[in-house]
Amino acid sequence: MKLDDLKQDWQKNIEQVSTPENLNEVINMLEKETTKIDKEIKRRDFLEISIAVLLIPVWIFGLFISKGSLQTLGYIIGIVSCFYIPYKLISAKKITAPKLSNIKTFLESEKQKIAQQKQLLESIVWWYIAPITTSIVLITLGGTVNEAGIPSMNDHLYMYYGCLVLLIVGIYFLNKRAAKKKFGPLLTNIEQRLSEINH
């Protein structure tokens, strides 16, 4: 079952079981479904962190074959990005809520976790897209410098950057959509359950 289907099914069930009398049943269902979501997040983070770790030696090697300061700067930004991206992914899973000892603390913990994942996707431009894109542009542009150290654009680079822009826009909107459609409703439902407990 895909993550979207999982969350849609959970949302339908949560709407059907909304009375305080059935709250324990809702919480048990929520716990099972969030466990599955946690596994999806874990797989995503493993993939992203693995790619970042594998790219570090590539960027370091690039420093030794750099054609100039522009490329060197690009490789340095690439190296820093490959350390920062795993840091952001790992940080988004850290929670400060109390350990699970009752329904309320469980919901507070899940609320914080989902909110952090939602914020991670909403801010993807600053911690993921911008540094990686900057690195790629500097490295490719730095590879075209002439004897005077001035980069020169050609048709191949224009086409390459055009494809890069399309890819970036696609990544941005897919993540914005995921933040709104996937984590938004989950966060709202958890807040509703907390509201029921507090009243």
C-alpha atoms as a PDB file:
ATOM      1  CA  MET A   1       0.000   0.000   0.000  1.00  0.00           C
ATOM      2  CA  LYS A   2       1.323   3.448  -0.910  1.00  0.00           C
ATOM      3  CA  LEU A   3       1.742   6.189   1.689  1.00  0.00           C
ATOM      4  CA  ASP A   4      -1.041   8.270   0.089  1.00  0.00           C
ATOM      5  CA  ASP A   5      -3.488   5.335   0.220  1.00  0.00           C
ATOM      6  CA  LEU A   6      -2.522   4.587   3.799  1.00  0.00           C
ATOM      7  CA  LYS A   7      -3.190   8.130   4.938  1.00  0.00           C
ATOM      8  CA  GLN A   8      -6.451   8.403   2.975  1.00  0.00           C
ATOM      9  CA  ASP A   9      -7.735   5.177   4.535  1.00  0.00           C
ATOM     10  CA  TRP A  10      -6.755   6.368   7.986  1.00  0.00           C
ATOM     11  CA  GLN A  11      -8.451   9.718   7.402  1.00  0.00           C
ATOM     12  CA  LYS A  12     -11.719   8.023   6.351  1.00  0.00           C
ATOM     13  CA  ASN A  13     -11.645   5.773   9.398  1.00  0.00           C
ATOM     14  CA  ILE A  14     -10.812   8.617  11.746  1.00  0.00           C
ATOM     15  CA  GLU A  15     -13.807  10.591  10.483  1.00  0.00           C
ATOM     16  CA  GLN A  16     -16.116   7.645  11.126  1.00  0.00           C
ATOM     17  CA  VAL A  17     -14.862   7.114  14.670  1.00  0.00           C
ATOM     18  CA  SER A  18     -14.872  10.548  16.231  1.00  0.00           C
ATOM     19  CA  THR A  19     -16.819  10.210  19.479  1.00  0.00           C
ATOM     20  CA  PRO A  20     -14.994  10.425  22.819  1.00  0.00           C
ATOM     21  CA  GLU A  21     -16.300   6.927  23.748  1.00  0.00           C
ATOM     22  CA  ASN A  22     -14.317   5.411  20.891  1.00  0.00           C
ATOM     23  CA  LEU A  23     -11.187   7.478  21.480  1.00  0.00           C
ATOM     24  CA  ASN A  24      -9.093   4.511  22.621  1.00  0.00           C
ATOM     25  CA  GLU A  25      -9.970   2.649  19.434  1.00  0.00           C
ATOM     26  CA  VAL A  26      -8.998   5.713  17.393  1.00  0.00           C
ATOM     27  CA  ILE A  27      -5.696   6.027  19.228  1.00  0.00           C
ATOM     28  CA  ASN A  28      -4.858   2.352  18.662  1.00  0.00           C
ATOM     29  CA  MET A  29      -5.582   2.738  14.965  1.00  0.00           C
ATOM     30  CA  LEU A  30      -3.558   5.954  14.848  1.00  0.00           C
ATOM     31  CA  GLU A  31      -0.606   4.233  16.506  1.00  0.00           C
ATOM     32  CA  LYS A  32      -0.593   1.460  13.891  1.00  0.00           C
ATOM     33  CA  GLU A  33      -0.861   3.863  10.981  1.00  0.00           C
ATOM     34  CA  THR A  34       1.808   6.271  12.241  1.00  0.00           C
ATOM     35  CA  THR A  35       4.151   3.310  12.668  1.00  0.00           C
ATOM     36  CA  LYS A  36       3.725   2.575   8.969  1.00  0.00           C
ATOM     37  CA  ILE A  37       4.298   6.246   8.130  1.00  0.00           C
ATOM     38  CA  ASP A  38       7.449   6.210  10.268  1.00  0.00           C
ATOM     39  CA  LYS A  39       8.757   3.351   8.139  1.00  0.00           C
ATOM     40  CA  GLU A  40       8.138   5.382   4.970  1.00  0.00           C
ATOM     41  CA  ILE A  41      10.030   8.338   6.451  1.00  0.00           C
ATOM     42  CA  LYS A  42      12.835   6.032   7.549  1.00  0.00           C
ATOM     43  CA  ARG A  43      13.194   4.637   4.010  1.00  0.00           C
ATOM     44  CA  ARG A  44      13.210   8.137   2.515  1.00  0.00           C
ATOM     45  CA  ASP A  45      15.827   9.358   4.971  1.00  0.00           C
ATOM     46  CA  PHE A  46      18.004   6.282   4.398  1.00  0.00           C
ATOM     47  CA  LEU A  47      17.959   6.908   0.643  1.00  0.00           C
ATOM     48  CA  GLU A  48      18.706  10.650   0.922  1.00  0.00           C
ATOM     49  CA  ILE A  49      21.455  10.186   3.509  1.00  0.00           C
ATOM     50  CA  SER A  50      23.054   7.360   1.504  1.00  0.00           C
ATOM     51  CA  ILE A  51      23.161   9.549  -1.613  1.00  0.00           C
ATOM     52  CA  ALA A  52      24.656  12.441   0.360  1.00  0.00           C
ATOM     53  CA  VAL A  53      27.352  10.218   1.893  1.00  0.00           C
ATOM     54  CA  LEU A  54      28.235   8.708  -1.497  1.00  0.00           C
ATOM     55  CA  LEU A  55      28.527  12.173  -3.070  1.00  0.00           C
ATOM     56  CA  ILE A  56      31.046  13.472  -0.513  1.00  0.00           C
ATOM     57  CA  PRO A  57      34.045  11.586  -2.049  1.00  0.00           C
ATOM     58  CA  VAL A  58      32.937  12.774  -5.511  1.00  0.00           C
ATOM     59  CA  TRP A  59      32.941  16.422  -4.404  1.00  0.00           C
ATOM     60  CA  ILE A  60      36.299  15.970  -2.633  1.00  0.00           C
ATOM     61  CA  PHE A  61      37.806  14.439  -5.761  1.00  0.00           C
ATOM     62  CA  GLY A  62      36.424  17.392  -7.709  1.00  0.00           C
ATOM     63  CA  LEU A  63      38.455  19.761  -5.557  1.00  0.00           C
ATOM     64  CA  PHE A  64      41.651  18.179  -6.885  1.00  0.00           C
ATOM     65  CA  ILE A  65      40.639  18.509 -10.543  1.00  0.00           C
ATOM     66  CA  SER A  66      38.959  21.910 -10.227  1.00  0.00           C
ATOM     67  CA  LYS A  67      39.603  24.332 -13.101  1.00  0.00           C
ATOM     68  CA  GLY A  68      39.362  27.424 -10.955  1.00  0.00           C
ATOM     69  CA  SER A  69      37.915  29.199  -7.948  1.00  0.00           C
ATOM     70  CA  LEU A  70      34.338  29.042  -9.295  1.00  0.00           C
ATOM     71  CA  GLN A  71      34.388  25.250  -9.510  1.00  0.00           C
ATOM     72  CA  THR A  72      36.227  24.970  -6.201  1.00  0.00           C
ATOM     73  CA  LEU A  73      33.497  27.009  -4.500  1.00  0.00           C
ATOM     74  CA  GLY A  74      30.876  24.747  -6.087  1.00  0.00           C
ATOM     75  CA  TYR A  75      32.563  21.616  -4.782  1.00  0.00           C
ATOM     76  CA  ILE A  76      32.900  23.110  -1.287  1.00  0.00           C
ATOM     77  CA  ILE A  77      29.180  24.006  -1.232  1.00  0.00           C
ATOM     78  CA  GLY A  78      28.451  20.455  -2.420  1.00  0.00           C
ATOM     79  CA  ILE A  79      30.461  18.959   0.444  1.00  0.00           C
ATOM     80  CA  VAL A  80      28.810  21.196   3.044  1.00  0.00           C
ATOM     81  CA  SER A  81      25.364  20.362   1.587  1.00  0.00           C
ATOM     82  CA  CYS A  82      26.042  16.631   1.888  1.00  0.00           C
ATOM     83  CA  PHE A  83      26.674  17.073   5.604  1.00  0.00           C
ATOM     84  CA  TYR A  84      23.817  19.511   6.181  1.00  0.00           C
ATOM     85  CA  ILE A  85      21.060  17.529   4.403  1.00  0.00           C
ATOM     86  CA  PRO A  86      21.459  14.427   6.628  1.00  0.00           C
ATOM     87  CA  TYR A  87      21.576  16.726   9.661  1.00  0.00           C
ATOM     88  CA  LYS A  88      18.229  18.291   8.669  1.00  0.00           C
ATOM     89  CA  LEU A  89      16.608  14.914   8.035  1.00  0.00           C
ATOM     90  CA  ILE A  90      17.792  13.487  11.348  1.00  0.00           C
ATOM     91  CA  SER A  91      16.847  16.652  13.269  1.00  0.00           C
ATOM     92  CA  ALA A  92      13.295  16.537  11.887  1.00  0.00           C
ATOM     93  CA  LYS A  93      12.771  13.178  13.619  1.00  0.00           C
ATOM     94  CA  LYS A  94      13.906  14.342  17.044  1.00  0.00           C
ATOM     95  CA  ILE A  95      11.076  15.122  19.427  1.00  0.00           C
ATOM     96  CA  THR A  96      11.048  16.814  22.815  1.00  0.00           C
ATOM     97  CA  ALA A  97       7.628  15.566  23.902  1.00  0.00           C
ATOM     98  CA  PRO A  98       7.511  13.307  27.000  1.00  0.00           C
ATOM     99  CA  LYS A  99       7.965   9.576  26.573  1.00  0.00           C
ATOM    100  CA  LEU A 100       4.755   7.719  25.729  1.00  0.00           C
ATOM    101  CA  SER A 101       3.055   6.994  29.030  1.00  0.00           C
ATOM    102  CA  ASN A 102      -0.567   7.836  28.225  1.00  0.00           C
ATOM    103  CA  ILE A 103      -2.818   8.809  25.322  1.00  0.00           C
ATOM    104  CA  LYS A 104      -2.221  12.543  25.647  1.00  0.00           C
ATOM    105  CA  THR A 105       1.577  12.308  25.629  1.00  0.00           C
ATOM    106  CA  PHE A 106       1.395   9.908  22.696  1.00  0.00           C
ATOM    107  CA  LEU A 107      -0.698  12.377  20.710  1.00  0.00           C
ATOM    108  CA  GLU A 108       1.563  15.294  21.649  1.00  0.00           C
ATOM    109  CA  SER A 109       4.573  13.289  20.493  1.00  0.00           C
ATOM    110  CA  GLU A 110       2.900  12.401  17.178  1.00  0.00           C
ATOM    111  CA  LYS A 111       1.772  16.010  16.703  1.00  0.00           C
ATOM    112  CA  GLN A 112       5.325  17.306  17.087  1.00  0.00           C
ATOM    113  CA  LYS A 113       6.729  14.605  14.808  1.00  0.00           C
ATOM    114  CA  ILE A 114       4.197  15.253  12.009  1.00  0.00           C
ATOM    115  CA  ALA A 115       4.550  19.041  12.352  1.00  0.00           C
ATOM    116  CA  GLN A 116       8.331  18.754  11.984  1.00  0.00           C
ATOM    117  CA  GLN A 117       8.018  16.576   8.877  1.00  0.00           C
ATOM    118  CA  LYS A 118       5.525  19.030   7.377  1.00  0.00           C
ATOM    119  CA  GLN A 119       7.845  21.976   8.066  1.00  0.00           C
ATOM    120  CA  LEU A 120      10.771  20.018   6.588  1.00  0.00           C
ATOM    121  CA  LEU A 121       8.961  19.666   3.262  1.00  0.00           C
ATOM    122  CA  GLU A 122       7.720  23.259   3.271  1.00  0.00           C
ATOM    123  CA  SER A 123      11.250  24.610   3.736  1.00  0.00           C
ATOM    124  CA  ILE A 124      12.938  22.304   1.201  1.00  0.00           C
ATOM    125  CA  VAL A 125      14.072  25.259  -0.929  1.00  0.00           C
ATOM    126  CA  TRP A 126      16.451  26.559   1.741  1.00  0.00           C
ATOM    127  CA  TRP A 127      18.064  23.371   3.056  1.00  0.00           C
ATOM    128  CA  TYR A 128      18.013  21.127  -0.037  1.00  0.00           C
ATOM    129  CA  ILE A 129      17.241  22.754  -3.396  1.00  0.00           C
ATOM    130  CA  ALA A 130      19.205  26.007  -3.045  1.00  0.00           C
ATOM    131  CA  PRO A 131      22.570  24.577  -1.888  1.00  0.00           C
ATOM    132  CA  ILE A 132      22.563  21.644  -4.324  1.00  0.00           C
ATOM    133  CA  THR A 133      21.493  23.850  -7.252  1.00  0.00           C
ATOM    134  CA  THR A 134      24.108  26.470  -6.396  1.00  0.00           C
ATOM    135  CA  SER A 135      26.779  23.779  -6.280  1.00  0.00           C
ATOM    136  CA  ILE A 136      25.766  22.308  -9.656  1.00  0.00           C
ATOM    137  CA  VAL A 137      25.628  25.724 -11.350  1.00  0.00           C
ATOM    138  CA  LEU A 138      29.029  26.788 -10.011  1.00  0.00           C
ATOM    139  CA  ILE A 139      30.677  23.493 -10.977  1.00  0.00           C
ATOM    140  CA  THR A 140      29.259  23.405 -14.513  1.00  0.00           C
ATOM    141  CA  LEU A 141      29.753  27.118 -15.133  1.00  0.00           C
ATOM    142  CA  GLY A 142      33.256  26.944 -13.662  1.00  0.00           C
ATOM    143  CA  GLY A 143      34.103  24.270 -16.210  1.00  0.00           C
ATOM    144  CA  THR A 144      33.647  26.773 -19.056  1.00  0.00           C
ATOM    145  CA  VAL A 145      36.032  29.495 -17.885  1.00  0.00           C
ATOM    146  CA  ASN A 146      38.438  30.893 -20.465  1.00  0.00           C
ATOM    147  CA  GLU A 147      42.057  31.951 -19.951  1.00  0.00           C
ATOM    148  CA  ALA A 148      40.884  35.184 -18.357  1.00  0.00           C
ATOM    149  CA  GLY A 149      38.846  33.206 -15.810  1.00  0.00           C
ATOM    150  CA  ILE A 150      35.496  34.312 -17.259  1.00  0.00           C
ATOM    151  CA  PRO A 151      32.793  31.620 -17.684  1.00  0.00           C
ATOM    152  CA  SER A 152      31.073  31.345 -21.057  1.00  0.00           C
ATOM    153  CA  MET A 153      27.602  29.972 -21.704  1.00  0.00           C
ATOM    154  CA  ASN A 154      26.884  27.700 -24.664  1.00  0.00           C
ATOM    155  CA  ASP A 155      23.801  25.976 -26.096  1.00  0.00           C
ATOM    156  CA  HIS A 156      24.509  22.800 -24.147  1.00  0.00           C
ATOM    157  CA  LEU A 157      24.573  24.694 -20.841  1.00  0.00           C
ATOM    158  CA  TYR A 158      21.395  26.623 -21.671  1.00  0.00           C
ATOM    159  CA  MET A 159      19.604  23.330 -22.308  1.00  0.00           C
ATOM    160  CA  TYR A 160      21.114  21.765 -19.193  1.00  0.00           C
ATOM    161  CA  TYR A 161      20.049  24.673 -16.979  1.00  0.00           C
ATOM    162  CA  GLY A 162      16.582  24.623 -18.535  1.00  0.00           C
ATOM    163  CA  CYS A 163      16.171  20.957 -17.579  1.00  0.00           C
ATOM    164  CA  LEU A 164      17.592  21.721 -14.138  1.00  0.00           C
ATOM    165  CA  VAL A 165      14.993  24.456 -13.595  1.00  0.00           C
ATOM    166  CA  LEU A 166      12.161  22.083 -14.586  1.00  0.00           C
ATOM    167  CA  LEU A 167      13.495  19.446 -12.188  1.00  0.00           C
ATOM    168  CA  ILE A 168      13.772  21.947  -9.349  1.00  0.00           C
ATOM    169  CA  VAL A 169      10.254  23.293  -9.901  1.00  0.00           C
ATOM    170  CA  GLY A 170       8.928  19.713  -9.967  1.00  0.00           C
ATOM    171  CA  ILE A 171      10.683  18.786  -6.716  1.00  0.00           C
ATOM    172  CA  TYR A 172       9.462  21.982  -5.055  1.00  0.00           C
ATOM    173  CA  PHE A 173       5.794  21.502  -5.942  1.00  0.00           C
ATOM    174  CA  LEU A 174       5.790  17.778  -5.153  1.00  0.00           C
ATOM    175  CA  ASN A 175       7.097  18.514  -1.666  1.00  0.00           C
ATOM    176  CA  LYS A 176       4.704  21.424  -1.118  1.00  0.00           C
ATOM    177  CA  ARG A 177       1.830  19.170  -2.168  1.00  0.00           C
ATOM    178  CA  ALA A 178       3.009  16.385   0.146  1.00  0.00           C
ATOM    179  CA  ALA A 179       3.235  18.826   3.067  1.00  0.00           C
ATOM    180  CA  LYS A 180      -0.307  20.059   2.442  1.00  0.00           C
ATOM    181  CA  LYS A 181      -2.103  16.876   1.381  1.00  0.00           C
ATOM    182  CA  LYS A 182      -0.299  14.229   3.421  1.00  0.00           C
ATOM    183  CA  PHE A 183       0.877  15.759   6.666  1.00  0.00           C
ATOM    184  CA  GLY A 184      -1.653  18.615   6.906  1.00  0.00           C
ATOM    185  CA  PRO A 185      -4.749  16.406   7.440  1.00  0.00           C
ATOM    186  CA  LEU A 186      -2.824  14.104   9.788  1.00  0.00           C
ATOM    187  CA  LEU A 187      -1.804  17.053  11.918  1.00  0.00           C
ATOM    188  CA  THR A 188      -5.371  18.383  11.996  1.00  0.00           C
ATOM    189  CA  ASN A 189      -6.771  15.009  13.083  1.00  0.00           C
ATOM    190  CA  ILE A 190      -4.222  14.622  15.850  1.00  0.00           C
ATOM    191  CA  GLU A 191      -5.067  18.111  17.102  1.00  0.00           C
ATOM    192  CA  GLN A 192      -8.757  17.156  17.095  1.00  0.00           C
ATOM    193  CA  ARG A 193      -8.044  14.079  19.205  1.00  0.00           C
ATOM    194  CA  LEU A 194      -6.068  16.217  21.657  1.00  0.00           C
ATOM    195  CA  SER A 195      -8.952  18.666  21.805  1.00  0.00           C
ATOM    196  CA  GLU A 196     -11.345  15.832  22.651  1.00  0.00           C
ATOM    197  CA  ILE A 197      -9.106  14.697  25.494  1.00  0.00           C
ATOM    198  CA  ASN A 198      -8.748  18.217  26.907  1.00  0.00           C
ATOM    199  CA  HIS A 199     -12.492  18.797  27.005  1.00  0.00           C
END
